[in-house]
Amino acid sequence: MTKDLDLQSAIAALDEYGYDKKLSTDLEQARNKQQMAKYIKSLDYSLRRLLILQDTVNDLVDEKKHQLAQQENIQTYKTKIINLSREYNMTYAEVLGVMASQSQK
């Protein structure tokens, strides 16, 4: 019986912890615009600091978009090389070797 009580109290504690985390104003817990806005408002920043924050976030978003575009281009390039290797019945490394030798000419 005490094991059941211990298990029930442990589950209740975990539920309460999860509930507290959902209500937290911590930025790490923010998953949507409303939660983000609540957190930022809790910082009580001046207009000047909010503009700096906005500029910083915009820069980070642009950087992240650029990184994602680069990753997509690299993946597309790798797929093209794989398709060439299948078409010419060569290994991936062989295709890269041919491409390298062609670029040196």
Protein backbone atom coordinates (compact mmCIF):
# COMPACT_ATOMS: atom_id res chain seq x y z
CA MET A 1 0.00 0.00 0.00
CA THR A 2 2.83 2.42 0.76
CA LYS A 3 4.30 1.73 -2.67
CA ASP A 4 1.01 2.83 -4.25
CA LEU A 5 0.99 5.95 -2.09
CA ASP A 6 4.61 6.71 -2.98
CA LEU A 7 3.86 6.21 -6.65
CA GLN A 8 0.78 8.43 -6.46
CA SER A 9 2.65 11.19 -4.66
CA ALA A 10 5.52 10.94 -7.17
CA ILE A 11 3.08 11.23 -10.09
CA ALA A 12 1.33 14.16 -8.40
CA ALA A 13 4.67 15.91 -7.90
CA LEU A 14 5.62 15.40 -11.54
CA ASP A 15 2.23 16.71 -12.67
CA GLU A 16 2.64 19.78 -10.49
CA TYR A 17 6.16 20.34 -11.81
CA GLY A 18 4.89 20.13 -15.40
CA TYR A 19 2.05 22.51 -14.60
CA ASP A 20 4.46 25.00 -13.03
CA LYS A 21 6.72 24.79 -16.07
CA LYS A 22 3.77 25.55 -18.37
CA LEU A 23 2.92 28.66 -16.36
CA SER A 24 6.51 29.82 -16.14
CA THR A 25 7.46 33.14 -17.71
CA ASP A 26 10.86 31.70 -18.58
CA LEU A 27 11.94 32.31 -22.17
CA GLU A 28 13.12 28.72 -22.42
CA GLN A 29 9.52 27.57 -21.95
CA ALA A 30 8.03 30.03 -24.46
CA ARG A 31 6.71 28.16 -27.49
CA ASN A 32 4.39 30.68 -29.13
CA LYS A 33 4.07 34.40 -29.77
CA GLN A 34 1.88 35.03 -26.73
CA GLN A 35 4.34 33.35 -24.35
CA MET A 36 7.27 35.19 -25.93
CA ALA A 37 5.45 38.52 -25.60
CA LYS A 38 4.67 37.78 -21.95
CA TYR A 39 8.33 37.05 -21.26
CA ILE A 40 9.57 40.15 -23.07
CA LYS A 41 7.06 42.33 -21.24
CA SER A 42 8.30 40.88 -17.96
CA LEU A 43 11.77 42.23 -18.80
CA ASP A 44 10.35 45.76 -18.70
CA TYR A 45 12.75 47.02 -21.37
CA SER A 46 12.81 50.61 -22.54
CA LEU A 47 11.98 51.37 -26.17
CA ARG A 48 15.69 51.73 -26.96
CA ARG A 49 16.51 48.28 -25.56
CA LEU A 50 13.52 46.74 -27.34
CA LEU A 51 14.75 48.19 -30.64
CA ILE A 52 18.20 46.73 -30.01
CA LEU A 53 16.57 43.38 -29.19
CA GLN A 54 14.50 43.57 -32.38
CA ASP A 55 17.56 44.35 -34.49
CA THR A 56 19.49 41.49 -32.89
CA VAL A 57 16.66 39.02 -33.40
CA ASN A 58 16.29 40.10 -37.04
CA ASP A 59 20.02 39.54 -37.60
CA LEU A 60 19.85 36.10 -35.98
CA VAL A 61 16.80 35.14 -38.06
CA ASP A 62 18.56 36.22 -41.27
CA GLU A 63 21.66 34.25 -40.28
CA LYS A 64 19.57 31.14 -39.51
CA LYS A 65 17.72 31.44 -42.85
CA HIS A 66 21.06 31.73 -44.67
CA GLN A 67 22.40 28.64 -42.88
CA LEU A 68 19.28 26.64 -43.74
CA ALA A 69 19.52 27.71 -47.39
CA GLN A 70 23.17 26.65 -47.47
CA GLN A 71 22.31 23.25 -45.97
CA GLU A 72 19.56 22.78 -48.53
CA ASN A 73 21.92 23.67 -51.39
CA ILE A 74 24.58 21.30 -50.09
CA GLN A 75 22.04 18.49 -49.79
CA THR A 76 20.82 19.16 -53.33
CA TYR A 77 24.42 19.09 -54.59
CA LYS A 78 25.11 15.80 -52.78
CA THR A 79 21.95 14.29 -54.27
CA LYS A 80 23.06 15.31 -57.76
CA ILE A 81 26.45 13.66 -57.20
CA ILE A 82 24.76 10.49 -55.94
CA ASN A 83 22.54 10.43 -59.03
CA LEU A 84 25.60 10.87 -61.28
CA SER A 85 27.38 8.02 -59.51
CA ARG A 86 24.38 5.75 -60.13
CA GLU A 87 24.03 6.88 -63.74
CA TYR A 88 27.68 6.16 -64.55
CA ASN A 89 27.99 3.19 -62.18
CA MET A 90 30.73 4.87 -60.16
CA THR A 91 31.27 5.40 -56.45
CA TYR A 92 30.58 8.75 -54.85
CA ALA A 93 34.32 9.22 -54.28
CA GLU A 94 35.10 8.45 -57.92
CA VAL A 95 32.62 11.07 -59.10
CA LEU A 96 34.22 13.61 -56.75
CA GLY A 97 37.64 12.64 -58.07
CA VAL A 98 36.56 13.18 -61.68
CA MET A 99 35.02 16.53 -60.76
CA ALA A 100 38.22 17.59 -58.99
CA SER A 101 40.37 16.59 -61.92
CA GLN A 102 38.08 18.50 -64.32
CA SER A 103 38.29 21.65 -62.22
CA GLN A 104 42.10 21.55 -62.34
CA LYS A 105 42.17 21.55 -66.14
